[in-house]
Amino acid sequence: MVGVLSTVTPASAATLEGCRSGHLCLYKGAYYNNHSGHPDADYVHCLTYNLSNWVTHHGSYVDNQTGAVTTTFWSGYNGTGTILRRFQSYSYAWDVDFYPVNSITVC
């Protein structure tokens, strides 16, 4: 996966690119370029999520979760396969290759 990873401090973690505090948001366009800043996927619960119909080579994400939360991108469904990317809360990437991410684990 390619992309630029940045972090923000908790003090600035209100709403970032349409992603509310406490949420992990995914966008199908690079630079959060879709639906005027509204995420295509918005996750708030500590679970593993399968990404259905999510094939994009230029997506982006905002991890605006609170606390010590880790998000993992997996190559397989149900949190299996190869770990493609792992990051902590309060991070974002403006150009991420989501192919072949098939599931994510939040928490």
PDB file of N, CA and C in Angstrom:
ATOM      1  N   MET A   1       0.829  -1.175   0.000  1.00  0.00           N
ATOM      2  CA  MET A   1       0.000   0.000   0.000  1.00  0.00           C
ATOM      3  C   MET A   1       0.868   1.230   0.000  1.00  0.00           C
ATOM      4  N   VAL A   2       0.483   2.205  -0.776  1.00  0.00           N
ATOM      5  CA  VAL A   2       1.187   3.465  -0.779  1.00  0.00           C
ATOM      6  C   VAL A   2       0.287   4.515  -0.187  1.00  0.00           C
ATOM      7  N   GLY A   3       0.869   5.560   0.300  1.00  0.00           N
ATOM      8  CA  GLY A   3       0.071   6.634   0.856  1.00  0.00           C
ATOM      9  C   GLY A   3       0.908   7.453   1.802  1.00  0.00           C
ATOM     10  N   VAL A   4       0.354   8.521   2.231  1.00  0.00           N
ATOM     11  CA  VAL A   4       1.022   9.388   3.178  1.00  0.00           C
ATOM     12  C   VAL A   4       0.276   9.293   4.477  1.00  0.00           C
ATOM     13  N   LEU A   5       0.988   8.990   5.541  1.00  0.00           N
ATOM     14  CA  LEU A   5       0.390   8.839   6.856  1.00  0.00           C
ATOM     15  C   LEU A   5       0.775  10.038   7.692  1.00  0.00           C
ATOM     16  N   SER A   6      -0.200  10.645   8.313  1.00  0.00           N
ATOM     17  CA  SER A   6       0.042  11.772   9.195  1.00  0.00           C
ATOM     18  C   SER A   6      -0.706  11.538  10.480  1.00  0.00           C
ATOM     19  N   THR A   7      -0.328  12.248  11.505  1.00  0.00           N
ATOM     20  CA  THR A   7      -1.053  12.159  12.765  1.00  0.00           C
ATOM     21  C   THR A   7      -1.463  13.540  13.202  1.00  0.00           C
ATOM     22  N   VAL A   8      -2.532  13.592  13.969  1.00  0.00           N
ATOM     23  CA  VAL A   8      -3.003  14.840  14.536  1.00  0.00           C
ATOM     24  C   VAL A   8      -3.065  14.669  16.037  1.00  0.00           C
ATOM     25  N   THR A   9      -3.035  15.745  16.746  1.00  0.00           N
ATOM     26  CA  THR A   9      -3.094  15.645  18.196  1.00  0.00           C
ATOM     27  C   THR A   9      -4.539  15.562  18.647  1.00  0.00           C
ATOM     28  N   PRO A  10      -4.800  14.917  19.779  1.00  0.00           N
ATOM     29  CA  PRO A  10      -6.173  14.803  20.273  1.00  0.00           C
ATOM     30  C   PRO A  10      -6.870  16.142  20.444  1.00  0.00           C
ATOM     31  N   ALA A  11      -6.133  17.190  20.725  1.00  0.00           N
ATOM     32  CA  ALA A  11      -6.761  18.494  20.904  1.00  0.00           C
ATOM     33  C   ALA A  11      -7.439  18.979  19.625  1.00  0.00           C
ATOM     34  N   SER A  12      -6.960  18.538  18.458  1.00  0.00           N
ATOM     35  CA  SER A  12      -7.555  18.987  17.202  1.00  0.00           C
ATOM     36  C   SER A  12      -8.553  17.985  16.631  1.00  0.00           C
ATOM     37  N   ALA A  13      -8.894  16.980  17.396  1.00  0.00           N
ATOM     38  CA  ALA A  13      -9.728  15.897  16.878  1.00  0.00           C
ATOM     39  C   ALA A  13     -11.208  16.166  17.085  1.00  0.00           C
ATOM     40  N   ALA A  14     -11.733  17.177  16.463  1.00  0.00           N
ATOM     41  CA  ALA A  14     -13.167  17.415  16.483  1.00  0.00           C
ATOM     42  C   ALA A  14     -13.746  16.716  15.259  1.00  0.00           C
ATOM     43  N   THR A  15     -14.005  17.435  14.193  1.00  0.00           N
ATOM     44  CA  THR A  15     -14.443  16.847  12.938  1.00  0.00           C
ATOM     45  C   THR A  15     -13.369  17.125  11.902  1.00  0.00           C
ATOM     46  N   LEU A  16     -12.863  16.069  11.280  1.00  0.00           N
ATOM     47  CA  LEU A  16     -11.832  16.189  10.260  1.00  0.00           C
ATOM     48  C   LEU A  16     -12.366  15.630   8.955  1.00  0.00           C
ATOM     49  N   GLU A  17     -12.404  16.441   7.920  1.00  0.00           N
ATOM     50  CA  GLU A  17     -12.874  16.010   6.597  1.00  0.00           C
ATOM     51  C   GLU A  17     -14.229  15.297   6.668  1.00  0.00           C
ATOM     52  N   GLY A  18     -15.107  15.766   7.543  1.00  0.00           N
ATOM     53  CA  GLY A  18     -16.428  15.177   7.690  1.00  0.00           C
ATOM     54  C   GLY A  18     -16.486  13.976   8.615  1.00  0.00           C
ATOM     55  N   CYS A  19     -15.375  13.618   9.238  1.00  0.00           N
ATOM     56  CA  CYS A  19     -15.312  12.463  10.133  1.00  0.00           C
ATOM     57  C   CYS A  19     -15.391  12.951  11.585  1.00  0.00           C
ATOM     58  N   ARG A  20     -16.444  12.542  12.266  1.00  0.00           N
ATOM     59  CA  ARG A  20     -16.672  12.994  13.636  1.00  0.00           C
ATOM     60  C   ARG A  20     -15.696  12.360  14.623  1.00  0.00           C
ATOM     61  N   SER A  21     -15.479  13.015  15.714  1.00  0.00           N
ATOM     62  CA  SER A  21     -14.618  12.510  16.779  1.00  0.00           C
ATOM     63  C   SER A  21     -15.125  11.149  17.244  1.00  0.00           C
ATOM     64  N   GLY A  22     -14.218  10.203  17.411  1.00  0.00           N
ATOM     65  CA  GLY A  22     -14.575   8.855  17.849  1.00  0.00           C
ATOM     66  C   GLY A  22     -14.856   7.892  16.705  1.00  0.00           C
ATOM     67  N   HIS A  23     -14.690   8.322  15.455  1.00  0.00           N
ATOM     68  CA  HIS A  23     -15.032   7.504  14.291  1.00  0.00           C
ATOM     69  C   HIS A  23     -13.805   7.231  13.422  1.00  0.00           C
ATOM     70  N   LEU A  24     -13.864   6.140  12.672  1.00  0.00           N
ATOM     71  CA  LEU A  24     -12.936   5.848  11.588  1.00  0.00           C
ATOM     72  C   LEU A  24     -13.728   6.010  10.301  1.00  0.00           C
ATOM     73  N   CYS A  25     -13.243   6.838   9.393  1.00  0.00           N
ATOM     74  CA  CYS A  25     -13.962   7.121   8.154  1.00  0.00           C
ATOM     75  C   CYS A  25     -13.110   6.763   6.948  1.00  0.00           C
ATOM     76  N   LEU A  26     -13.742   6.147   5.962  1.00  0.00           N
ATOM     77  CA  LEU A  26     -13.080   5.780   4.711  1.00  0.00           C
ATOM     78  C   LEU A  26     -13.724   6.540   3.561  1.00  0.00           C
ATOM     79  N   TYR A  27     -12.902   6.912   2.602  1.00  0.00           N
ATOM     80  CA  TYR A  27     -13.353   7.659   1.430  1.00  0.00           C
ATOM     81  C   TYR A  27     -12.852   6.940   0.182  1.00  0.00           C
ATOM     82  N   LYS A  28     -13.691   6.821  -0.820  1.00  0.00           N
ATOM     83  CA  LYS A  28     -13.288   6.140  -2.051  1.00  0.00           C
ATOM     84  C   LYS A  28     -12.449   7.019  -2.953  1.00  0.00           C
ATOM     85  N   GLY A  29     -12.313   8.281  -2.660  1.00  0.00           N
ATOM     86  CA  GLY A  29     -11.482   9.174  -3.446  1.00  0.00           C
ATOM     87  C   GLY A  29     -10.258   9.623  -2.673  1.00  0.00           C
ATOM     88  N   ALA A  30      -9.182   9.884  -3.388  1.00  0.00           N
ATOM     89  CA  ALA A  30      -7.992  10.453  -2.769  1.00  0.00           C
ATOM     90  C   ALA A  30      -8.305  11.876  -2.294  1.00  0.00           C
ATOM     91  N   TYR A  31      -7.567  12.348  -1.317  1.00  0.00           N
ATOM     92  CA  TYR A  31      -7.745  13.685  -0.768  1.00  0.00           C
ATOM     93  C   TYR A  31      -9.168  13.911  -0.252  1.00  0.00           C
ATOM     94  N   TYR A  32      -9.811  12.835   0.232  1.00  0.00           N
ATOM     95  CA  TYR A  32     -11.182  12.910   0.782  1.00  0.00           C
ATOM     96  C   TYR A  32     -12.130  13.490  -0.260  1.00  0.00           C
ATOM     97  N   ASN A  33     -11.846  13.225  -1.529  1.00  0.00           N
ATOM     98  CA  ASN A  33     -12.530  13.833  -2.659  1.00  0.00           C
ATOM     99  C   ASN A  33     -13.776  13.053  -3.048  1.00  0.00           C
ATOM    100  N   ASN A  34     -14.811  13.218  -2.290  1.00  0.00           N
ATOM    101  CA  ASN A  34     -16.084  12.584  -2.600  1.00  0.00           C
ATOM    102  C   ASN A  34     -17.183  13.252  -1.800  1.00  0.00           C
ATOM    103  N   HIS A  35     -18.312  13.321  -2.317  1.00  0.00           N
ATOM    104  CA  HIS A  35     -19.517  13.741  -1.601  1.00  0.00           C
ATOM    105  C   HIS A  35     -19.308  14.953  -0.694  1.00  0.00           C
ATOM    106  N   SER A  36     -18.472  15.862  -1.076  1.00  0.00           N
ATOM    107  CA  SER A  36     -18.238  17.096  -0.321  1.00  0.00           C
ATOM    108  C   SER A  36     -17.859  16.844   1.130  1.00  0.00           C
ATOM    109  N   GLY A  37     -16.915  15.929   1.355  1.00  0.00           N
ATOM    110  CA  GLY A  37     -16.424  15.691   2.702  1.00  0.00           C
ATOM    111  C   GLY A  37     -17.224  14.713   3.526  1.00  0.00           C
ATOM    112  N   HIS A  38     -18.145  13.995   2.906  1.00  0.00           N
ATOM    113  CA  HIS A  38     -18.902  12.978   3.630  1.00  0.00           C
ATOM    114  C   HIS A  38     -18.267  11.621   3.363  1.00  0.00           C
ATOM    115  N   PRO A  39     -17.930  10.873   4.408  1.00  0.00           N
ATOM    116  CA  PRO A  39     -17.272   9.577   4.215  1.00  0.00           C
ATOM    117  C   PRO A  39     -18.168   8.563   3.509  1.00  0.00           C
ATOM    118  N   ASP A  40     -17.534   7.650   2.779  1.00  0.00           N
ATOM    119  CA  ASP A  40     -18.265   6.538   2.168  1.00  0.00           C
ATOM    120  C   ASP A  40     -18.542   5.445   3.191  1.00  0.00           C
ATOM    121  N   ALA A  41     -17.709   5.350   4.217  1.00  0.00           N
ATOM    122  CA  ALA A  41     -17.903   4.372   5.294  1.00  0.00           C
ATOM    123  C   ALA A  41     -17.497   5.046   6.601  1.00  0.00           C
ATOM    124  N   ASP A  42     -18.256   4.772   7.649  1.00  0.00           N
ATOM    125  CA  ASP A  42     -18.056   5.420   8.941  1.00  0.00           C
ATOM    126  C   ASP A  42     -18.220   4.356  10.017  1.00  0.00           C
ATOM    127  N   TYR A  43     -17.139   4.078  10.749  1.00  0.00           N
ATOM    128  CA  TYR A  43     -17.154   3.018  11.752  1.00  0.00           C
ATOM    129  C   TYR A  43     -16.902   3.599  13.132  1.00  0.00           C
ATOM    130  N   VAL A  44     -17.668   3.130  14.111  1.00  0.00           N
ATOM    131  CA  VAL A  44     -17.521   3.647  15.459  1.00  0.00           C
ATOM    132  C   VAL A  44     -17.389   2.515  16.483  1.00  0.00           C
ATOM    133  N   HIS A  45     -17.814   1.320  16.150  1.00  0.00           N
ATOM    134  CA  HIS A  45     -17.787   0.198  17.085  1.00  0.00           C
ATOM    135  C   HIS A  45     -16.518  -0.631  16.924  1.00  0.00           C
ATOM    136  N   CYS A  46     -16.092  -1.240  18.002  1.00  0.00           N
ATOM    137  CA  CYS A  46     -14.888  -2.069  18.043  1.00  0.00           C
ATOM    138  C   CYS A  46     -15.214  -3.460  17.475  1.00  0.00           C
ATOM    139  N   LEU A  47     -15.043  -3.616  16.151  1.00  0.00           N
ATOM    140  CA  LEU A  47     -15.389  -4.857  15.449  1.00  0.00           C
ATOM    141  C   LEU A  47     -14.490  -5.031  14.232  1.00  0.00           C
ATOM    142  N   THR A  48     -14.658  -6.162  13.548  1.00  0.00           N
ATOM    143  CA  THR A  48     -14.054  -6.376  12.235  1.00  0.00           C
ATOM    144  C   THR A  48     -15.144  -6.197  11.191  1.00  0.00           C
ATOM    145  N   TYR A  49     -14.835  -5.435  10.158  1.00  0.00           N
ATOM    146  CA  TYR A  49     -15.799  -5.115   9.107  1.00  0.00           C
ATOM    147  C   TYR A  49     -15.259  -5.602   7.762  1.00  0.00           C
ATOM    148  N   ASN A  50     -16.100  -6.292   6.986  1.00  0.00           N
ATOM    149  CA  ASN A  50     -15.748  -6.665   5.621  1.00  0.00           C
ATOM    150  C   ASN A  50     -16.091  -5.495   4.706  1.00  0.00           C
ATOM    151  N   LEU A  51     -15.207  -5.218   3.777  1.00  0.00           N
ATOM    152  CA  LEU A  51     -15.439  -4.137   2.826  1.00  0.00           C
ATOM    153  C   LEU A  51     -16.024  -4.734   1.552  1.00  0.00           C
ATOM    154  N   SER A  52     -17.269  -4.485   1.323  1.00  0.00           N
ATOM    155  CA  SER A  52     -17.963  -5.011   0.151  1.00  0.00           C
ATOM    156  C   SER A  52     -17.965  -3.943  -0.944  1.00  0.00           C
ATOM    157  N   ASN A  53     -17.624  -4.334  -2.167  1.00  0.00           N
ATOM    158  CA  ASN A  53     -17.587  -3.427  -3.318  1.00  0.00           C
ATOM    159  C   ASN A  53     -16.661  -2.241  -3.073  1.00  0.00           C
ATOM    160  N   TRP A  54     -15.540  -2.489  -2.452  1.00  0.00           N
ATOM    161  CA  TRP A  54     -14.610  -1.415  -2.112  1.00  0.00           C
ATOM    162  C   TRP A  54     -13.319  -1.630  -2.891  1.00  0.00           C
ATOM    163  N   VAL A  55     -13.336  -1.396  -4.172  1.00  0.00           N
ATOM    164  CA  VAL A  55     -12.149  -1.566  -5.000  1.00  0.00           C
ATOM    165  C   VAL A  55     -11.759  -0.191  -5.519  1.00  0.00           C
ATOM    166  N   THR A  56     -10.731   0.368  -4.918  1.00  0.00           N
ATOM    167  CA  THR A  56     -10.228   1.657  -5.363  1.00  0.00           C
ATOM    168  C   THR A  56      -8.729   1.719  -5.108  1.00  0.00           C
ATOM    169  N   HIS A  57      -8.010   2.235  -6.067  1.00  0.00           N
ATOM    170  CA  HIS A  57      -6.566   2.378  -5.901  1.00  0.00           C
ATOM    171  C   HIS A  57      -6.198   3.731  -5.305  1.00  0.00           C
ATOM    172  N   HIS A  58      -7.142   4.640  -5.231  1.00  0.00           N
ATOM    173  CA  HIS A  58      -6.871   5.958  -4.664  1.00  0.00           C
ATOM    174  C   HIS A  58      -7.999   6.350  -3.727  1.00  0.00           C
ATOM    175  N   GLY A  59      -7.893   5.890  -2.490  1.00  0.00           N
ATOM    176  CA  GLY A  59      -8.843   6.251  -1.454  1.00  0.00           C
ATOM    177  C   GLY A  59      -8.130   7.034  -0.368  1.00  0.00           C
ATOM    178  N   SER A  60      -8.830   7.318   0.705  1.00  0.00           N
ATOM    179  CA  SER A  60      -8.248   8.024   1.841  1.00  0.00           C
ATOM    180  C   SER A  60      -9.002   7.632   3.099  1.00  0.00           C
ATOM    181  N   TYR A  61      -8.414   7.928   4.245  1.00  0.00           N
ATOM    182  CA  TYR A  61      -9.092   7.641   5.506  1.00  0.00           C
ATOM    183  C   TYR A  61      -8.738   8.681   6.549  1.00  0.00           C
ATOM    184  N   VAL A  62      -9.633   8.821   7.521  1.00  0.00           N
ATOM    185  CA  VAL A  62      -9.397   9.621   8.716  1.00  0.00           C
ATOM    186  C   VAL A  62      -9.716   8.724   9.900  1.00  0.00           C
ATOM    187  N   ASP A  63      -8.734   8.509  10.761  1.00  0.00           N
ATOM    188  CA  ASP A  63      -8.949   7.753  11.993  1.00  0.00           C
ATOM    189  C   ASP A  63      -9.048   8.786  13.115  1.00  0.00           C
ATOM    190  N   ASN A  64     -10.264   9.181  13.399  1.00  0.00           N
ATOM    191  CA  ASN A  64     -10.541  10.228  14.375  1.00  0.00           C
ATOM    192  C   ASN A  64     -11.061   9.616  15.679  1.00  0.00           C
ATOM    193  N   GLN A  65     -10.606   8.387  15.956  1.00  0.00           N
ATOM    194  CA  GLN A  65     -11.050   7.697  17.161  1.00  0.00           C
ATOM    195  C   GLN A  65     -10.332   8.248  18.384  1.00  0.00           C
ATOM    196  N   THR A  66     -10.925   8.044  19.522  1.00  0.00           N
ATOM    197  CA  THR A  66     -10.359   8.533  20.766  1.00  0.00           C
ATOM    198  C   THR A  66      -9.716   7.380  21.523  1.00  0.00           C
ATOM    199  N   GLY A  67      -8.717   7.687  22.315  1.00  0.00           N
ATOM    200  CA  GLY A  67      -8.054   6.661  23.115  1.00  0.00           C
ATOM    201  C   GLY A  67      -7.003   5.910  22.323  1.00  0.00           C
ATOM    202  N   ALA A  68      -6.522   4.835  22.906  1.00  0.00           N
ATOM    203  CA  ALA A  68      -5.471   4.009  22.294  1.00  0.00           C
ATOM    204  C   ALA A  68      -6.106   2.931  21.422  1.00  0.00           C
ATOM    205  N   VAL A  69      -6.563   3.314  20.251  1.00  0.00           N
ATOM    206  CA  VAL A  69      -7.250   2.405  19.336  1.00  0.00           C
ATOM    207  C   VAL A  69      -6.330   2.097  18.163  1.00  0.00           C
ATOM    208  N   THR A  70      -6.293   0.841  17.741  1.00  0.00           N
ATOM    209  CA  THR A  70      -5.512   0.425  16.582  1.00  0.00           C
ATOM    210  C   THR A  70      -6.464  -0.052  15.495  1.00  0.00           C
ATOM    211  N   THR A  71      -6.221   0.375  14.279  1.00  0.00           N
ATOM    212  CA  THR A  71      -6.990  -0.088  13.128  1.00  0.00           C
ATOM    213  C   THR A  71      -6.053  -0.893  12.240  1.00  0.00           C
ATOM    214  N   THR A  72      -6.547  -2.032  11.753  1.00  0.00           N
ATOM    215  CA  THR A  72      -5.756  -2.912  10.899  1.00  0.00           C
ATOM    216  C   THR A  72      -6.496  -3.160   9.595  1.00  0.00           C
ATOM    217  N   PHE A  73      -5.796  -2.999   8.465  1.00  0.00           N
ATOM    218  CA  PHE A  73      -6.331  -3.342   7.150  1.00  0.00           C
ATOM    219  C   PHE A  73      -5.840  -4.741   6.806  1.00  0.00           C
ATOM    220  N   TRP A  74      -6.746  -5.638   6.429  1.00  0.00           N
ATOM    221  CA  TRP A  74      -6.443  -7.038   6.123  1.00  0.00           C
ATOM    222  C   TRP A  74      -6.670  -7.343   4.648  1.00  0.00           C
ATOM    223  N   SER A  75      -5.903  -8.281   4.117  1.00  0.00           N
ATOM    224  CA  SER A  75      -6.085  -8.709   2.728  1.00  0.00           C
ATOM    225  C   SER A  75      -7.276  -9.654   2.575  1.00  0.00           C
ATOM    226  N   GLY A  76      -7.620 -10.394   3.611  1.00  0.00           N
ATOM    227  CA  GLY A  76      -8.735 -11.342   3.551  1.00  0.00           C
ATOM    228  C   GLY A  76      -9.968 -10.816   4.258  1.00  0.00           C
ATOM    229  N   TYR A  77     -11.049 -11.539   4.121  1.00  0.00           N
ATOM    230  CA  TYR A  77     -12.279 -11.188   4.812  1.00  0.00           C
ATOM    231  C   TYR A  77     -12.216 -11.645   6.259  1.00  0.00           C
ATOM    232  N   ASN A  78     -13.015 -11.028   7.117  1.00  0.00           N
ATOM    233  CA  ASN A  78     -13.142 -11.390   8.533  1.00  0.00           C
ATOM    234  C   ASN A  78     -11.830 -11.261   9.309  1.00  0.00           C
ATOM    235  N   GLY A  79     -10.998 -10.302   8.938  1.00  0.00           N
ATOM    236  CA  GLY A  79      -9.743 -10.072   9.653  1.00  0.00           C
ATOM    237  C   GLY A  79      -8.723 -11.177   9.474  1.00  0.00           C
ATOM    238  N   THR A  80      -8.654 -11.735   8.270  1.00  0.00           N
ATOM    239  CA  THR A  80      -7.704 -12.809   7.982  1.00  0.00           C
ATOM    240  C   THR A  80      -6.766 -12.370   6.860  1.00  0.00           C
ATOM    241  N   GLY A  81      -5.770 -13.191   6.613  1.00  0.00           N
ATOM    242  CA  GLY A  81      -4.831 -12.907   5.532  1.00  0.00           C
ATOM    243  C   GLY A  81      -3.667 -12.080   6.024  1.00  0.00           C
ATOM    244  N   THR A  82      -3.128 -11.277   5.145  1.00  0.00           N
ATOM    245  CA  THR A  82      -1.959 -10.465   5.423  1.00  0.00           C
ATOM    246  C   THR A  82      -2.375  -9.103   5.980  1.00  0.00           C
ATOM    247  N   ILE A  83      -1.616  -8.619   6.969  1.00  0.00           N
ATOM    248  CA  ILE A  83      -1.824  -7.265   7.457  1.00  0.00           C
ATOM    249  C   ILE A  83      -1.202  -6.311   6.442  1.00  0.00           C
ATOM    250  N   LEU A  84      -2.017  -5.446   5.872  1.00  0.00           N
ATOM    251  CA  LEU A  84      -1.556  -4.514   4.846  1.00  0.00           C
ATOM    252  C   LEU A  84      -1.178  -3.155   5.422  1.00  0.00           C
ATOM    253  N   ARG A  85      -1.806  -2.770   6.513  1.00  0.00           N
ATOM    254  CA  ARG A  85      -1.528  -1.498   7.154  1.00  0.00           C
ATOM    255  C   ARG A  85      -2.093  -1.551   8.569  1.00  0.00           C
ATOM    256  N   ARG A  86      -1.366  -0.967   9.516  1.00  0.00           N
ATOM    257  CA  ARG A  86      -1.831  -0.873  10.904  1.00  0.00           C
ATOM    258  C   ARG A  86      -1.463   0.518  11.408  1.00  0.00           C
ATOM    259  N   PHE A  87      -2.437   1.183  12.044  1.00  0.00           N
ATOM    260  CA  PHE A  87      -2.183   2.541  12.510  1.00  0.00           C
ATOM    261  C   PHE A  87      -2.979   2.822  13.780  1.00  0.00           C
ATOM    262  N   GLN A  88      -2.572   3.849  14.488  1.00  0.00           N
ATOM    263  CA  GLN A  88      -3.194   4.264  15.737  1.00  0.00           C
ATOM    264  C   GLN A  88      -4.236   5.346  15.490  1.00  0.00           C
ATOM    265  N   SER A  89      -5.035   5.613  16.525  1.00  0.00           N
ATOM    266  CA  SER A  89      -6.037   6.670  16.437  1.00  0.00           C
ATOM    267  C   SER A  89      -5.371   8.021  16.176  1.00  0.00           C
ATOM    268  N   TYR A  90      -6.172   8.964  15.714  1.00  0.00           N
ATOM    269  CA  TYR A  90      -5.734  10.311  15.353  1.00  0.00           C
ATOM    270  C   TYR A  90      -4.717  10.306  14.217  1.00  0.00           C
ATOM    271  N   SER A  91      -5.003   9.555  13.171  1.00  0.00           N
ATOM    272  CA  SER A  91      -4.142   9.556  11.998  1.00  0.00           C
ATOM    273  C   SER A  91      -4.997   9.669  10.749  1.00  0.00           C
ATOM    274  N   TYR A  92      -4.362   9.985   9.646  1.00  0.00           N
ATOM    275  CA  TYR A  92      -5.079  10.052   8.378  1.00  0.00           C
ATOM    276  C   TYR A  92      -4.109   9.858   7.227  1.00  0.00           C
ATOM    277  N   ALA A  93      -4.637   9.472   6.087  1.00  0.00           N
ATOM    278  CA  ALA A  93      -3.851   9.340   4.866  1.00  0.00           C
ATOM    279  C   ALA A  93      -4.700   9.849   3.712  1.00  0.00           C
ATOM    280  N   TRP A  94      -4.127  10.693   2.884  1.00  0.00           N
ATOM    281  CA  TRP A  94      -4.903  11.316   1.827  1.00  0.00           C
ATOM    282  C   TRP A  94      -4.836  10.589   0.490  1.00  0.00           C
ATOM    283  N   ASP A  95      -3.968   9.596   0.340  1.00  0.00           N
ATOM    284  CA  ASP A  95      -3.958   8.801  -0.890  1.00  0.00           C
ATOM    285  C   ASP A  95      -3.484   7.394  -0.546  1.00  0.00           C
ATOM    286  N   VAL A  96      -4.429   6.467  -0.444  1.00  0.00           N
ATOM    287  CA  VAL A  96      -4.153   5.095  -0.032  1.00  0.00           C
ATOM    288  C   VAL A  96      -4.654   4.139  -1.105  1.00  0.00           C
ATOM    289  N   ASP A  97      -3.870   3.133  -1.427  1.00  0.00           N
ATOM    290  CA  ASP A  97      -4.296   2.075  -2.340  1.00  0.00           C
ATOM    291  C   ASP A  97      -5.062   1.045  -1.512  1.00  0.00           C
ATOM    292  N   PHE A  98      -6.382   1.043  -1.623  1.00  0.00           N
ATOM    293  CA  PHE A  98      -7.212   0.107  -0.864  1.00  0.00           C
ATOM    294  C   PHE A  98      -7.277  -1.276  -1.503  1.00  0.00           C
ATOM    295  N   TYR A  99      -6.676  -1.433  -2.662  1.00  0.00           N
ATOM    296  CA  TYR A  99      -6.691  -2.746  -3.302  1.00  0.00           C
ATOM    297  C   TYR A  99      -5.455  -3.504  -2.858  1.00  0.00           C
ATOM    298  N   PRO A 100      -5.491  -4.609  -2.215  1.00  0.00           N
ATOM    299  CA  PRO A 100      -6.607  -5.545  -2.041  1.00  0.00           C
ATOM    300  C   PRO A 100      -7.139  -5.616  -0.605  1.00  0.00           C
ATOM    301  N   VAL A 101      -7.444  -4.510   0.049  1.00  0.00           N
ATOM    302  CA  VAL A 101      -8.019  -4.540   1.403  1.00  0.00           C
ATOM    303  C   VAL A 101      -9.429  -5.116   1.318  1.00  0.00           C
ATOM    304  N   ASN A 102      -9.678  -6.188   2.075  1.00  0.00           N
ATOM    305  CA  ASN A 102     -11.006  -6.803   2.075  1.00  0.00           C
ATOM    306  C   ASN A 102     -11.712  -6.714   3.425  1.00  0.00           C
ATOM    307  N   SER A 103     -10.973  -6.365   4.478  1.00  0.00           N
ATOM    308  CA  SER A 103     -11.611  -6.160   5.789  1.00  0.00           C
ATOM    309  C   SER A 103     -10.730  -5.267   6.641  1.00  0.00           C
ATOM    310  N   ILE A 104     -11.369  -4.676   7.657  1.00  0.00           N
ATOM    311  CA  ILE A 104     -10.638  -3.851   8.619  1.00  0.00           C
ATOM    312  C   ILE A 104     -11.077  -4.252  10.017  1.00  0.00           C
ATOM    313  N   THR A 105     -10.142  -4.156  10.946  1.00  0.00           N
ATOM    314  CA  THR A 105     -10.451  -4.358  12.358  1.00  0.00           C
ATOM    315  C   THR A 105     -10.215  -3.047  13.060  1.00  0.00           C
ATOM    316  N   VAL A 106     -11.238  -2.586  13.743  1.00  0.00           N
ATOM    317  CA  VAL A 106     -11.174  -1.338  14.493  1.00  0.00           C
ATOM    318  C   VAL A 106     -11.115  -1.714  15.971  1.00  0.00           C
ATOM    319  N   CYS A 107     -10.050  -1.347  16.660  1.00  0.00           N
ATOM    320  CA  CYS A 107      -9.903  -1.552  18.100  1.00  0.00           C
ATOM    321  C   CYS A 107      -8.666  -2.343  18.436  1.00  0.00           C
TER     322      CYS A 107
END
